[in-house]
Amino acid sequence: MVVNFQSWLDPLIILMAIPRTFAGILWMLFLTGTTFNVPSLMGAIMAIGVATANSILLVVFANDERRENNDQRQAALAAGFTRMRPVVMTALAMIIGMLPMALGLGEGGEQNAPLGRAVIGGLLVATISTLFLVPVMYSYLRKKAPPDRDKQIADELRQEVPARRRAAP
């Protein structure tokens, strides 16, 4: 993520939601009396992946807002309000999809129930964390606007082309 964002700060902000996701997983497993086993670890990986994707969605939108001369607080608020629906829809679709598995009904259903329970618990807490904690941490930590690399490259190319024309015989 550091290479993708060309910053150490954005991945740090994105990863702020992961400890709470793991706390939600443990909380749900504890409440349902489910052991921490291989299926629940697979569910944890799924929940952490969705939580990370939702956090990336928020931070990328906030960075785009910052490039349009908004301060960090306005950018974080705009990202939270604008991306609330996609984040909630993603989490809700995953939670509803895992509900039959988490109930463990049917023959052999209890074998995969920890996976569904881990995903549901992790996403319940991760969604709240993504919508509230990530924008707050963005507004506190992101003091400078991120550089617009596309604009920098375009400016360098514009400067380079006239120099090539002058050098050509």
N, C-alpha and C. Protein backbone atom coordinates (compact mmCIF):
# COMPACT_ATOMS: atom_id res chain seq x y z
N MET A 1 0.82 -1.19 0.00
CA MET A 1 0.00 0.00 0.00
C MET A 1 0.87 1.25 0.00
N VAL A 2 2.03 1.17 0.62
CA VAL A 2 2.91 2.33 0.66
C VAL A 2 3.32 2.72 -0.76
N VAL A 3 3.63 1.75 -1.59
CA VAL A 3 4.02 2.03 -2.96
C VAL A 3 2.83 2.59 -3.74
N ASN A 4 1.66 2.02 -3.54
CA ASN A 4 0.48 2.46 -4.26
C ASN A 4 0.11 3.89 -3.90
N PHE A 5 0.14 4.22 -2.62
CA PHE A 5 -0.23 5.57 -2.18
C PHE A 5 0.94 6.54 -2.20
N GLN A 6 2.16 6.03 -2.35
CA GLN A 6 3.38 6.84 -2.31
C GLN A 6 3.44 7.66 -1.04
N SER A 7 3.07 7.01 0.04
CA SER A 7 3.03 7.66 1.35
C SER A 7 2.99 6.58 2.42
N TRP A 8 3.56 6.88 3.57
CA TRP A 8 3.45 5.97 4.71
C TRP A 8 2.22 6.30 5.54
N LEU A 9 1.74 7.52 5.41
CA LEU A 9 0.65 7.99 6.25
C LEU A 9 -0.71 7.39 5.86
N ASP A 10 -1.00 7.34 4.58
CA ASP A 10 -2.29 6.80 4.14
C ASP A 10 -2.48 5.34 4.53
N PRO A 11 -1.49 4.46 4.32
CA PRO A 11 -1.68 3.08 4.79
C PRO A 11 -1.85 2.99 6.31
N LEU A 12 -1.18 3.86 7.06
CA LEU A 12 -1.35 3.88 8.51
C LEU A 12 -2.80 4.21 8.87
N ILE A 13 -3.36 5.20 8.21
CA ILE A 13 -4.75 5.59 8.46
C ILE A 13 -5.69 4.45 8.07
N ILE A 14 -5.42 3.81 6.94
CA ILE A 14 -6.26 2.70 6.47
C ILE A 14 -6.23 1.55 7.46
N LEU A 15 -5.06 1.24 7.98
CA LEU A 15 -4.91 0.09 8.88
C LEU A 15 -5.46 0.36 10.28
N MET A 16 -5.93 1.55 10.56
CA MET A 16 -6.50 1.86 11.88
C MET A 16 -7.76 1.05 12.15
N ALA A 17 -8.46 0.62 11.13
CA ALA A 17 -9.71 -0.11 11.32
C ALA A 17 -9.48 -1.60 11.60
N ILE A 18 -8.30 -2.10 11.31
CA ILE A 18 -8.06 -3.54 11.44
C ILE A 18 -8.08 -4.04 12.88
N PRO A 19 -7.47 -3.37 13.85
CA PRO A 19 -7.57 -3.89 15.22
C PRO A 19 -9.01 -3.97 15.72
N ARG A 20 -9.84 -3.03 15.34
CA ARG A 20 -11.24 -3.08 15.76
C ARG A 20 -11.99 -4.20 15.05
N THR A 21 -11.60 -4.49 13.81
CA THR A 21 -12.19 -5.62 13.11
C THR A 21 -11.89 -6.91 13.85
N PHE A 22 -10.64 -7.07 14.24
CA PHE A 22 -10.25 -8.27 14.97
C PHE A 22 -10.96 -8.34 16.32
N ALA A 23 -11.16 -7.18 16.96
CA ALA A 23 -11.91 -7.15 18.22
C ALA A 23 -13.36 -7.59 18.00
N GLY A 24 -13.96 -7.17 16.89
CA GLY A 24 -15.33 -7.60 16.57
C GLY A 24 -15.41 -9.09 16.31
N ILE A 25 -14.39 -9.64 15.69
CA ILE A 25 -14.35 -11.08 15.44
C ILE A 25 -14.30 -11.83 16.76
N LEU A 26 -13.39 -11.43 17.63
CA LEU A 26 -13.26 -12.09 18.93
C LEU A 26 -14.53 -11.93 19.77
N TRP A 27 -15.12 -10.76 19.70
CA TRP A 27 -16.35 -10.49 20.45
C TRP A 27 -17.48 -11.42 20.00
N MET A 28 -17.66 -11.57 18.69
CA MET A 28 -18.71 -12.43 18.17
C MET A 28 -18.45 -13.90 18.49
N LEU A 29 -17.21 -14.33 18.36
CA LEU A 29 -16.89 -15.72 18.69
C LEU A 29 -17.13 -15.99 20.17
N PHE A 30 -16.80 -15.03 21.01
CA PHE A 30 -17.03 -15.18 22.45
C PHE A 30 -18.53 -15.25 22.76
N LEU A 31 -19.31 -14.35 22.16
CA LEU A 31 -20.75 -14.31 22.43
C LEU A 31 -21.47 -15.57 21.98
N THR A 32 -21.00 -16.17 20.90
CA THR A 32 -21.66 -17.37 20.38
C THR A 32 -21.04 -18.65 20.92
N GLY A 33 -20.00 -18.54 21.73
CA GLY A 33 -19.36 -19.73 22.29
C GLY A 33 -18.63 -20.55 21.24
N THR A 34 -18.12 -19.88 20.22
CA THR A 34 -17.43 -20.55 19.13
C THR A 34 -15.92 -20.50 19.37
N THR A 35 -15.26 -21.58 19.03
CA THR A 35 -13.80 -21.61 19.22
C THR A 35 -13.11 -20.88 18.08
N PHE A 36 -11.87 -20.49 18.36
CA PHE A 36 -11.03 -19.84 17.35
C PHE A 36 -10.30 -20.95 16.61
N ASN A 37 -10.74 -21.26 15.39
CA ASN A 37 -10.20 -22.39 14.64
C ASN A 37 -9.95 -21.97 13.19
N VAL A 38 -9.65 -22.94 12.34
CA VAL A 38 -9.30 -22.64 10.95
C VAL A 38 -10.45 -21.94 10.21
N PRO A 39 -11.69 -22.41 10.28
CA PRO A 39 -12.75 -21.66 9.60
C PRO A 39 -12.93 -20.24 10.13
N SER A 40 -12.78 -20.05 11.44
CA SER A 40 -12.91 -18.68 11.96
C SER A 40 -11.73 -17.82 11.53
N LEU A 41 -10.55 -18.40 11.36
CA LEU A 41 -9.42 -17.63 10.83
C LEU A 41 -9.65 -17.24 9.37
N MET A 42 -10.26 -18.13 8.59
CA MET A 42 -10.60 -17.78 7.21
C MET A 42 -11.63 -16.65 7.19
N GLY A 43 -12.59 -16.71 8.11
CA GLY A 43 -13.56 -15.62 8.23
C GLY A 43 -12.90 -14.32 8.64
N ALA A 44 -11.90 -14.43 9.51
CA ALA A 44 -11.17 -13.23 9.93
C ALA A 44 -10.45 -12.60 8.75
N ILE A 45 -9.85 -13.42 7.91
CA ILE A 45 -9.16 -12.90 6.71
C ILE A 45 -10.16 -12.20 5.80
N MET A 46 -11.33 -12.79 5.63
CA MET A 46 -12.36 -12.18 4.78
C MET A 46 -12.82 -10.85 5.36
N ALA A 47 -13.09 -10.81 6.66
CA ALA A 47 -13.57 -9.58 7.30
C ALA A 47 -12.52 -8.48 7.24
N ILE A 48 -11.27 -8.84 7.48
CA ILE A 48 -10.19 -7.84 7.44
C ILE A 48 -10.01 -7.33 6.01
N GLY A 49 -10.17 -8.19 5.02
CA GLY A 49 -10.07 -7.75 3.63
C GLY A 49 -11.16 -6.76 3.26
N VAL A 50 -12.38 -7.02 3.66
CA VAL A 50 -13.48 -6.10 3.36
C VAL A 50 -13.30 -4.79 4.13
N ALA A 51 -12.88 -4.87 5.39
CA ALA A 51 -12.66 -3.66 6.18
C ALA A 51 -11.55 -2.80 5.58
N THR A 52 -10.50 -3.43 5.11
CA THR A 52 -9.40 -2.70 4.48
C THR A 52 -9.87 -2.05 3.18
N ALA A 53 -10.62 -2.76 2.38
CA ALA A 53 -11.13 -2.20 1.13
C ALA A 53 -12.03 -1.00 1.39
N ASN A 54 -12.87 -1.08 2.40
CA ASN A 54 -13.74 0.06 2.75
C ASN A 54 -12.93 1.25 3.23
N SER A 55 -11.89 1.00 4.00
CA SER A 55 -11.04 2.09 4.48
C SER A 55 -10.28 2.73 3.32
N ILE A 56 -9.82 1.91 2.39
CA ILE A 56 -9.13 2.45 1.21
C ILE A 56 -10.08 3.35 0.43
N LEU A 57 -11.31 2.93 0.27
CA LEU A 57 -12.32 3.72 -0.43
C LEU A 57 -12.48 5.10 0.21
N LEU A 58 -12.50 5.14 1.52
CA LEU A 58 -12.66 6.41 2.23
C LEU A 58 -11.43 7.30 2.08
N VAL A 59 -10.25 6.73 2.26
CA VAL A 59 -9.02 7.53 2.21
C VAL A 59 -8.75 8.06 0.81
N VAL A 60 -9.00 7.26 -0.21
CA VAL A 60 -8.79 7.72 -1.58
C VAL A 60 -9.73 8.88 -1.89
N PHE A 61 -10.99 8.77 -1.47
CA PHE A 61 -11.93 9.86 -1.71
C PHE A 61 -11.52 11.12 -0.95
N ALA A 62 -11.07 10.95 0.29
CA ALA A 62 -10.62 12.11 1.07
C ALA A 62 -9.40 12.76 0.43
N ASN A 63 -8.48 11.97 -0.10
CA ASN A 63 -7.32 12.53 -0.79
C ASN A 63 -7.73 13.31 -2.03
N ASP A 64 -8.70 12.79 -2.77
CA ASP A 64 -9.21 13.52 -3.93
C ASP A 64 -9.84 14.84 -3.52
N GLU A 65 -10.56 14.84 -2.42
CA GLU A 65 -11.15 16.08 -1.91
C GLU A 65 -10.06 17.07 -1.47
N ARG A 66 -9.00 16.56 -0.87
CA ARG A 66 -7.90 17.43 -0.44
C ARG A 66 -7.24 18.11 -1.61
N ARG A 67 -7.13 17.41 -2.72
CA ARG A 67 -6.49 17.99 -3.91
C ARG A 67 -7.33 19.11 -4.50
N GLU A 68 -8.59 19.17 -4.14
CA GLU A 68 -9.47 20.24 -4.61
C GLU A 68 -9.51 21.39 -3.62
N ASN A 69 -8.45 21.56 -2.86
CA ASN A 69 -8.25 22.68 -1.93
C ASN A 69 -9.18 22.66 -0.73
N ASN A 70 -9.60 21.48 -0.28
CA ASN A 70 -10.35 21.37 0.96
C ASN A 70 -9.37 21.10 2.10
N ASP A 71 -9.71 21.55 3.28
CA ASP A 71 -8.85 21.21 4.42
C ASP A 71 -9.13 19.77 4.84
N GLN A 72 -8.29 19.25 5.73
CA GLN A 72 -8.38 17.83 6.07
C GLN A 72 -9.70 17.48 6.74
N ARG A 73 -10.25 18.37 7.54
CA ARG A 73 -11.51 18.08 8.23
C ARG A 73 -12.67 18.01 7.24
N GLN A 74 -12.73 18.98 6.33
CA GLN A 74 -13.80 18.96 5.32
C GLN A 74 -13.68 17.76 4.40
N ALA A 75 -12.45 17.40 4.05
CA ALA A 75 -12.23 16.24 3.18
C ALA A 75 -12.66 14.96 3.89
N ALA A 76 -12.35 14.83 5.17
CA ALA A 76 -12.74 13.64 5.92
C ALA A 76 -14.26 13.56 6.07
N LEU A 77 -14.90 14.69 6.35
CA LEU A 77 -16.36 14.70 6.46
C LEU A 77 -17.02 14.36 5.13
N ALA A 78 -16.52 14.94 4.05
CA ALA A 78 -17.08 14.65 2.73
C ALA A 78 -16.91 13.18 2.37
N ALA A 79 -15.74 12.63 2.70
CA ALA A 79 -15.50 11.20 2.41
C ALA A 79 -16.45 10.33 3.23
N GLY A 80 -16.63 10.67 4.50
CA GLY A 80 -17.52 9.89 5.35
C GLY A 80 -18.96 9.92 4.88
N PHE A 81 -19.43 11.12 4.51
CA PHE A 81 -20.82 11.24 4.07
C PHE A 81 -21.04 10.63 2.69
N THR A 82 -20.12 10.89 1.78
CA THR A 82 -20.30 10.43 0.41
C THR A 82 -20.13 8.93 0.28
N ARG A 83 -19.20 8.36 1.01
CA ARG A 83 -18.90 6.93 0.89
C ARG A 83 -19.62 6.07 1.93
N MET A 84 -20.52 6.67 2.71
CA MET A 84 -21.24 5.89 3.72
C MET A 84 -22.09 4.80 3.07
N ARG A 85 -22.81 5.14 2.04
CA ARG A 85 -23.69 4.16 1.40
C ARG A 85 -22.93 2.98 0.80
N PRO A 86 -21.86 3.20 0.02
CA PRO A 86 -21.13 2.04 -0.51
C PRO A 86 -20.50 1.17 0.59
N VAL A 87 -20.01 1.80 1.65
CA VAL A 87 -19.40 1.03 2.74
C VAL A 87 -20.46 0.19 3.44
N VAL A 88 -21.59 0.81 3.76
CA VAL A 88 -22.65 0.08 4.45
C VAL A 88 -23.23 -1.01 3.56
N MET A 89 -23.40 -0.73 2.28
CA MET A 89 -23.95 -1.74 1.37
C MET A 89 -23.01 -2.93 1.22
N THR A 90 -21.72 -2.68 1.15
CA THR A 90 -20.75 -3.77 1.05
C THR A 90 -20.79 -4.64 2.30
N ALA A 91 -20.74 -3.99 3.45
CA ALA A 91 -20.75 -4.74 4.71
C ALA A 91 -22.07 -5.47 4.91
N LEU A 92 -23.18 -4.82 4.61
CA LEU A 92 -24.49 -5.43 4.80
C LEU A 92 -24.69 -6.63 3.87
N ALA A 93 -24.23 -6.52 2.64
CA ALA A 93 -24.33 -7.65 1.71
C ALA A 93 -23.53 -8.84 2.22
N MET A 94 -22.35 -8.57 2.76
CA MET A 94 -21.53 -9.66 3.28
C MET A 94 -22.15 -10.26 4.54
N ILE A 95 -22.67 -9.41 5.41
CA ILE A 95 -23.28 -9.89 6.66
C ILE A 95 -24.52 -10.75 6.34
N ILE A 96 -25.39 -10.24 5.47
CA ILE A 96 -26.60 -11.00 5.12
C ILE A 96 -26.23 -12.29 4.40
N GLY A 97 -25.21 -12.25 3.57
CA GLY A 97 -24.78 -13.45 2.87
C GLY A 97 -24.21 -14.51 3.81
N MET A 98 -23.60 -14.09 4.89
CA MET A 98 -23.00 -15.02 5.85
C MET A 98 -23.98 -15.50 6.92
N LEU A 99 -25.13 -14.87 7.01
CA LEU A 99 -26.09 -15.23 8.05
C LEU A 99 -26.53 -16.70 8.01
N PRO A 100 -26.89 -17.26 6.86
CA PRO A 100 -27.25 -18.69 6.86
C PRO A 100 -26.10 -19.59 7.30
N MET A 101 -24.90 -19.24 6.90
CA MET A 101 -23.74 -20.04 7.31
C MET A 101 -23.50 -19.92 8.81
N ALA A 102 -23.67 -18.72 9.36
CA ALA A 102 -23.42 -18.49 10.78
C ALA A 102 -24.44 -19.22 11.66
N LEU A 103 -25.64 -19.43 11.15
CA LEU A 103 -26.65 -20.14 11.94
C LEU A 103 -26.33 -21.63 12.06
N GLY A 104 -25.57 -22.16 11.12
CA GLY A 104 -25.14 -23.55 11.19
C GLY A 104 -26.27 -24.55 11.07
N LEU A 105 -27.30 -24.22 10.32
CA LEU A 105 -28.43 -25.12 10.16
C LEU A 105 -28.12 -26.19 9.13
N GLY A 106 -28.76 -27.29 9.23
CA GLY A 106 -28.60 -28.37 8.26
C GLY A 106 -27.49 -29.33 8.64
N GLU A 107 -27.37 -30.34 7.84
CA GLU A 107 -26.38 -31.37 8.10
C GLU A 107 -24.98 -30.85 7.83
N GLY A 108 -24.11 -30.89 8.81
CA GLY A 108 -22.74 -30.40 8.68
C GLY A 108 -22.62 -28.90 8.70
N GLY A 109 -23.71 -28.19 8.99
CA GLY A 109 -23.69 -26.73 9.00
C GLY A 109 -22.84 -26.14 10.11
N GLU A 110 -22.71 -26.88 11.21
CA GLU A 110 -21.92 -26.35 12.33
C GLU A 110 -20.43 -26.33 12.02
N GLN A 111 -20.02 -27.00 10.95
CA GLN A 111 -18.61 -27.03 10.59
C GLN A 111 -18.15 -25.67 10.06
N ASN A 112 -18.98 -25.01 9.28
CA ASN A 112 -18.62 -23.72 8.69
C ASN A 112 -19.20 -22.53 9.45
N ALA A 113 -19.93 -22.77 10.50
CA ALA A 113 -20.54 -21.68 11.26
C ALA A 113 -19.50 -20.69 11.81
N PRO A 114 -18.33 -21.13 12.29
CA PRO A 114 -17.35 -20.15 12.79
C PRO A 114 -16.91 -19.14 11.73
N LEU A 115 -16.84 -19.56 10.47
CA LEU A 115 -16.46 -18.64 9.40
C LEU A 115 -17.49 -17.52 9.29
N GLY A 116 -18.76 -17.88 9.22
CA GLY A 116 -19.81 -16.87 9.10
C GLY A 116 -19.89 -15.97 10.31
N ARG A 117 -19.73 -16.55 11.49
CA ARG A 117 -19.78 -15.75 12.72
C ARG A 117 -18.62 -14.76 12.80
N ALA A 118 -17.44 -15.20 12.39
CA ALA A 118 -16.28 -14.31 12.42
C ALA A 118 -16.46 -13.15 11.45
N VAL A 119 -16.98 -13.44 10.27
CA VAL A 119 -17.19 -12.38 9.27
C VAL A 119 -18.23 -11.39 9.77
N ILE A 120 -19.32 -11.89 10.31
CA ILE A 120 -20.39 -11.00 10.78
C ILE A 120 -19.89 -10.12 11.93
N GLY A 121 -19.26 -10.71 12.91
CA GLY A 121 -18.75 -9.91 14.04
C GLY A 121 -17.71 -8.90 13.61
N GLY A 122 -16.79 -9.32 12.76
CA GLY A 122 -15.75 -8.40 12.30
C GLY A 122 -16.32 -7.24 11.51
N LEU A 123 -17.27 -7.53 10.62
CA LEU A 123 -17.82 -6.46 9.78
C LEU A 123 -18.74 -5.52 10.53
N LEU A 124 -19.42 -6.02 11.55
CA LEU A 124 -20.26 -5.12 12.36
C LEU A 124 -19.42 -4.03 13.00
N VAL A 125 -18.32 -4.42 13.60
CA VAL A 125 -17.45 -3.45 14.27
C VAL A 125 -16.62 -2.67 13.25
N ALA A 126 -16.16 -3.34 12.20
CA ALA A 126 -15.31 -2.68 11.20
C ALA A 126 -16.06 -1.59 10.45
N THR A 127 -17.33 -1.80 10.18
CA THR A 127 -18.10 -0.79 9.45
C THR A 127 -18.22 0.48 10.28
N ILE A 128 -18.51 0.34 11.53
CA ILE A 128 -18.59 1.50 12.42
C ILE A 128 -17.23 2.18 12.53
N SER A 129 -16.20 1.36 12.67
CA SER A 129 -14.84 1.89 12.78
C SER A 129 -14.43 2.61 11.51
N THR A 130 -14.77 2.05 10.37
CA THR A 130 -14.40 2.66 9.09
C THR A 130 -15.12 3.99 8.90
N LEU A 131 -16.38 4.04 9.27
CA LEU A 131 -17.15 5.26 9.03
C LEU A 131 -16.86 6.38 10.03
N PHE A 132 -16.38 6.03 11.21
CA PHE A 132 -16.13 7.06 12.23
C PHE A 132 -14.65 7.24 12.55
N LEU A 133 -13.94 6.16 12.81
CA LEU A 133 -12.54 6.28 13.23
C LEU A 133 -11.62 6.71 12.10
N VAL A 134 -11.79 6.12 10.92
CA VAL A 134 -10.88 6.44 9.81
C VAL A 134 -10.97 7.92 9.42
N PRO A 135 -12.16 8.52 9.26
CA PRO A 135 -12.18 9.96 8.96
C PRO A 135 -11.60 10.82 10.08
N VAL A 136 -11.82 10.44 11.32
CA VAL A 136 -11.25 11.20 12.44
C VAL A 136 -9.73 11.14 12.40
N MET A 137 -9.19 9.94 12.20
CA MET A 137 -7.74 9.80 12.14
C MET A 137 -7.16 10.51 10.91
N TYR A 138 -7.90 10.50 9.81
CA TYR A 138 -7.46 11.23 8.62
C TYR A 138 -7.37 12.72 8.91
N SER A 139 -8.37 13.26 9.58
CA SER A 139 -8.36 14.70 9.85
C SER A 139 -7.27 15.09 10.84
N TYR A 140 -6.90 14.19 11.75
CA TYR A 140 -5.83 14.49 12.70
C TYR A 140 -4.43 14.29 12.11
N LEU A 141 -4.26 13.27 11.29
CA LEU A 141 -2.92 12.92 10.84
C LEU A 141 -2.53 13.55 9.50
N ARG A 142 -3.46 13.78 8.61
CA ARG A 142 -3.15 14.26 7.27
C ARG A 142 -3.15 15.79 7.28
N LYS A 143 -2.01 16.38 7.63
CA LYS A 143 -1.92 17.85 7.72
C LYS A 143 -1.72 18.49 6.35
N LYS A 144 -0.87 17.89 5.52
CA LYS A 144 -0.62 18.45 4.18
C LYS A 144 -1.44 17.69 3.16
N ALA A 145 -1.81 18.39 2.11
CA ALA A 145 -2.53 17.72 1.01
C ALA A 145 -1.57 16.76 0.32
N PRO A 146 -2.05 15.60 -0.10
CA PRO A 146 -1.17 14.67 -0.81
C PRO A 146 -0.78 15.25 -2.16
N PRO A 147 0.44 14.99 -2.61
CA PRO A 147 0.86 15.54 -3.91
C PRO A 147 0.08 14.90 -5.05
N ASP A 148 -0.20 15.69 -6.06
CA ASP A 148 -0.89 15.20 -7.24
C ASP A 148 0.16 14.71 -8.23
N ARG A 149 0.46 13.42 -8.19
CA ARG A 149 1.53 12.84 -9.02
C ARG A 149 1.19 12.93 -10.51
N ASP A 150 -0.07 12.79 -10.86
CA ASP A 150 -0.45 12.88 -12.28
C ASP A 150 -0.14 14.26 -12.83
N LYS A 151 -0.43 15.29 -12.05
CA LYS A 151 -0.15 16.66 -12.48
C LYS A 151 1.35 16.89 -12.57
N GLN A 152 2.12 16.36 -11.62
CA GLN A 152 3.57 16.52 -11.65
C GLN A 152 4.16 15.87 -12.90
N ILE A 153 3.70 14.68 -13.24
CA ILE A 153 4.20 13.99 -14.43
C ILE A 153 3.83 14.76 -15.69
N ALA A 154 2.60 15.26 -15.75
CA ALA A 154 2.17 16.03 -16.92
C ALA A 154 3.00 17.30 -17.07
N ASP A 155 3.30 17.98 -15.96
CA ASP A 155 4.12 19.19 -16.01
C ASP A 155 5.54 18.87 -16.48
N GLU A 156 6.10 17.77 -15.99
CA GLU A 156 7.45 17.37 -16.41
C GLU A 156 7.48 17.03 -17.90
N LEU A 157 6.43 16.38 -18.38
CA LEU A 157 6.39 16.05 -19.81
C LEU A 157 6.25 17.29 -20.66
N ARG A 158 5.48 18.28 -20.21
CA ARG A 158 5.34 19.53 -20.95
C ARG A 158 6.65 20.27 -21.02
N GLN A 159 7.45 20.22 -19.97
CA GLN A 159 8.75 20.89 -19.97
C GLN A 159 9.76 20.13 -20.82
N GLU A 160 9.61 18.82 -20.89
CA GLU A 160 10.56 17.99 -21.60
C GLU A 160 10.36 18.05 -23.11
N VAL A 161 9.14 18.18 -23.58
CA VAL A 161 8.85 18.18 -25.02
C VAL A 161 9.48 19.38 -25.72
N PRO A 162 9.33 20.63 -25.21
CA PRO A 162 9.99 21.76 -25.90
C PRO A 162 11.52 21.62 -25.90
N ALA A 163 12.10 21.04 -24.85
CA ALA A 163 13.53 20.86 -24.81
C ALA A 163 13.99 19.88 -25.88
N ARG A 164 13.20 18.87 -26.17
CA ARG A 164 13.53 17.91 -27.23
C ARG A 164 13.45 18.58 -28.61
N ARG A 165 12.46 19.46 -28.78
CA ARG A 165 12.30 20.13 -30.07
C ARG A 165 13.47 21.05 -30.34
N ARG A 166 13.96 21.73 -29.30
CA ARG A 166 15.11 22.62 -29.48
C ARG A 166 16.37 21.82 -29.79
N ALA A 167 16.49 20.65 -29.21
CA ALA A 167 17.70 19.84 -29.39
C ALA A 167 17.69 19.13 -30.74
N ALA A 168 16.53 18.92 -31.33
CA ALA A 168 16.46 18.20 -32.61
C ALA A 168 17.00 19.08 -33.72
N PRO A 169 17.80 18.50 -34.66
CA PRO A 169 18.37 19.31 -35.75
C PRO A 169 17.37 19.64 -36.83
